[in-house]
Amino acid sequence: MKNDKQELLEEYDEEKNLDFKFLLLIYLSLAVAFSIILPKIYIKNQIYYISRDIHKLYSENSILKEENTYLKQKLESIRFKNQVLDSVFIELEE
């Protein structure tokens, strides 16, 4: 009985121990996987941040175009008022 237990324990210990080549293979495969995955993640993050910056600049550009249109209309209104007032003053002086 004791002999059977010893044999089972020895078999279990032999199965449990991993040899150096197997561990090296595992570590190398993990290193290869990380070397493929990490640059892909980095590139995707960079694309995301650049596209976010582009969207921000596009929004600012749209806002500035609208503001430019508003300022042009306001300038035109001021010019019109100025012409009207000039013509009124010229008629009053005569």
C-alpha atoms as a PDB file:
ATOM      1  CA  MET A   1       0.000   0.000   0.000  1.00  0.00           C
ATOM      2  CA  LYS A   2       2.753   2.370   0.916  1.00  0.00           C
ATOM      3  CA  ASN A   3       4.576   1.390  -2.213  1.00  0.00           C
ATOM      4  CA  ASP A   4       1.597   2.347  -4.407  1.00  0.00           C
ATOM      5  CA  LYS A   5       1.391   5.754  -2.790  1.00  0.00           C
ATOM      6  CA  GLN A   6       5.091   6.307  -3.382  1.00  0.00           C
ATOM      7  CA  GLU A   7       4.756   5.378  -7.037  1.00  0.00           C
ATOM      8  CA  LEU A   8       1.786   7.729  -7.522  1.00  0.00           C
ATOM      9  CA  LEU A   9       3.644  10.574  -5.856  1.00  0.00           C
ATOM     10  CA  GLU A  10       6.726   9.984  -7.982  1.00  0.00           C
ATOM     11  CA  GLU A  11       4.653   9.924 -11.175  1.00  0.00           C
ATOM     12  CA  TYR A  12       2.888  13.105 -10.153  1.00  0.00           C
ATOM     13  CA  ASP A  13       6.196  14.847  -9.409  1.00  0.00           C
ATOM     14  CA  GLU A  14       7.627  13.746 -12.752  1.00  0.00           C
ATOM     15  CA  GLU A  15       4.601  15.111 -14.607  1.00  0.00           C
ATOM     16  CA  LYS A  16       4.620  18.333 -12.635  1.00  0.00           C
ATOM     17  CA  ASN A  17       8.241  19.235 -13.352  1.00  0.00           C
ATOM     18  CA  LEU A  18       8.695  21.207 -16.539  1.00  0.00           C
ATOM     19  CA  ASP A  19      11.960  20.979 -18.385  1.00  0.00           C
ATOM     20  CA  PHE A  20      13.958  24.044 -19.406  1.00  0.00           C
ATOM     21  CA  LYS A  21      13.318  23.648 -23.151  1.00  0.00           C
ATOM     22  CA  PHE A  22       9.567  23.625 -22.662  1.00  0.00           C
ATOM     23  CA  LEU A  23       9.691  26.782 -20.502  1.00  0.00           C
ATOM     24  CA  LEU A  24      11.975  28.470 -23.011  1.00  0.00           C
ATOM     25  CA  LEU A  25       9.541  27.603 -25.801  1.00  0.00           C
ATOM     26  CA  ILE A  26       6.644  29.056 -23.811  1.00  0.00           C
ATOM     27  CA  TYR A  27       8.542  32.287 -23.053  1.00  0.00           C
ATOM     28  CA  LEU A  28       9.647  32.674 -26.663  1.00  0.00           C
ATOM     29  CA  SER A  29       6.113  32.170 -27.938  1.00  0.00           C
ATOM     30  CA  LEU A  30       4.853  34.780 -25.461  1.00  0.00           C
ATOM     31  CA  ALA A  31       7.579  37.197 -26.554  1.00  0.00           C
ATOM     32  CA  VAL A  32       6.657  36.707 -30.225  1.00  0.00           C
ATOM     33  CA  ALA A  33       2.967  37.212 -29.450  1.00  0.00           C
ATOM     34  CA  PHE A  34       3.683  40.403 -27.501  1.00  0.00           C
ATOM     35  CA  SER A  35       6.017  41.707 -30.197  1.00  0.00           C
ATOM     36  CA  ILE A  36       3.181  41.321 -32.710  1.00  0.00           C
ATOM     37  CA  ILE A  37       0.315  42.565 -30.529  1.00  0.00           C
ATOM     38  CA  LEU A  38       1.910  45.545 -28.753  1.00  0.00           C
ATOM     39  CA  PRO A  39       2.901  47.517 -31.887  1.00  0.00           C
ATOM     40  CA  LYS A  40      -0.601  46.966 -33.274  1.00  0.00           C
ATOM     41  CA  ILE A  41      -2.142  48.372 -30.081  1.00  0.00           C
ATOM     42  CA  TYR A  42       0.278  51.320 -30.128  1.00  0.00           C
ATOM     43  CA  ILE A  43      -0.526  52.140 -33.757  1.00  0.00           C
ATOM     44  CA  LYS A  44      -4.290  51.932 -33.125  1.00  0.00           C
ATOM     45  CA  ASN A  45      -3.953  54.283 -30.154  1.00  0.00           C
ATOM     46  CA  GLN A  46      -1.933  56.754 -32.209  1.00  0.00           C
ATOM     47  CA  ILE A  47      -4.520  56.661 -34.993  1.00  0.00           C
ATOM     48  CA  TYR A  48      -7.264  57.295 -32.436  1.00  0.00           C
ATOM     49  CA  TYR A  49      -5.515  60.304 -30.890  1.00  0.00           C
ATOM     50  CA  ILE A  50      -4.626  61.786 -34.272  1.00  0.00           C
ATOM     51  CA  SER A  51      -8.192  61.378 -35.556  1.00  0.00           C
ATOM     52  CA  ARG A  52      -9.472  62.973 -32.336  1.00  0.00           C
ATOM     53  CA  ASP A  53      -7.154  65.954 -32.918  1.00  0.00           C
ATOM     54  CA  ILE A  54      -8.287  66.190 -36.546  1.00  0.00           C
ATOM     55  CA  HIS A  55     -11.933  66.197 -35.464  1.00  0.00           C
ATOM     56  CA  LYS A  56     -11.218  68.927 -32.917  1.00  0.00           C
ATOM     57  CA  LEU A  57      -9.474  71.046 -35.562  1.00  0.00           C
ATOM     58  CA  TYR A  58     -12.319  70.445 -38.021  1.00  0.00           C
ATOM     59  CA  SER A  59     -14.854  71.594 -35.411  1.00  0.00           C
ATOM     60  CA  GLU A  60     -12.816  74.704 -34.659  1.00  0.00           C
ATOM     61  CA  ASN A  61     -12.560  75.378 -38.394  1.00  0.00           C
ATOM     62  CA  SER A  62     -16.348  75.148 -38.774  1.00  0.00           C
ATOM     63  CA  ILE A  63     -16.880  77.473 -35.829  1.00  0.00           C
ATOM     64  CA  LEU A  64     -14.401  80.000 -37.225  1.00  0.00           C
ATOM     65  CA  LYS A  65     -16.055  79.886 -40.649  1.00  0.00           C
ATOM     66  CA  GLU A  66     -19.437  80.603 -39.067  1.00  0.00           C
ATOM     67  CA  GLU A  67     -17.957  83.421 -37.021  1.00  0.00           C
ATOM     68  CA  ASN A  68     -16.308  84.829 -40.145  1.00  0.00           C
ATOM     69  CA  THR A  69     -19.668  84.802 -41.942  1.00  0.00           C
ATOM     70  CA  TYR A  70     -21.305  86.553 -38.984  1.00  0.00           C
ATOM     71  CA  LEU A  71     -18.570  89.196 -38.839  1.00  0.00           C
ATOM     72  CA  LYS A  72     -18.838  89.807 -42.600  1.00  0.00           C
ATOM     73  CA  GLN A  73     -22.581  90.355 -42.247  1.00  0.00           C
ATOM     74  CA  LYS A  74     -22.026  92.682 -39.311  1.00  0.00           C
ATOM     75  CA  LEU A  75     -19.380  94.613 -41.253  1.00  0.00           C
ATOM     76  CA  GLU A  76     -21.719  94.907 -44.227  1.00  0.00           C
ATOM     77  CA  SER A  77     -24.441  96.217 -41.918  1.00  0.00           C
ATOM     78  CA  ILE A  78     -22.089  98.800 -40.451  1.00  0.00           C
ATOM     79  CA  ARG A  79     -20.977  99.873 -43.933  1.00  0.00           C
ATOM     80  CA  PHE A  80     -24.592 100.231 -45.017  1.00  0.00           C
ATOM     81  CA  LYS A  81     -25.416 102.332 -41.955  1.00  0.00           C
ATOM     82  CA  ASN A  82     -22.337 104.429 -42.593  1.00  0.00           C
ATOM     83  CA  GLN A  83     -23.357 105.055 -46.226  1.00  0.00           C
ATOM     84  CA  VAL A  84     -26.886 105.943 -45.184  1.00  0.00           C
ATOM     85  CA  LEU A  85     -25.672 108.310 -42.491  1.00  0.00           C
ATOM     86  CA  ASP A  86     -23.163 109.876 -44.854  1.00  0.00           C
ATOM     87  CA  SER A  87     -25.852 110.455 -47.434  1.00  0.00           C
ATOM     88  CA  VAL A  88     -28.162 111.956 -44.776  1.00  0.00           C
ATOM     89  CA  PHE A  89     -25.439 114.287 -43.526  1.00  0.00           C
ATOM     90  CA  ILE A  90     -24.558 115.316 -47.048  1.00  0.00           C
ATOM     91  CA  GLU A  91     -28.216 116.146 -47.738  1.00  0.00           C
ATOM     92  CA  LEU A  92     -28.474 118.086 -44.486  1.00  0.00           C
ATOM     93  CA  GLU A  93     -25.401 120.119 -45.283  1.00  0.00           C
ATOM     94  CA  GLU A  94     -26.788 121.155 -48.639  1.00  0.00           C
END
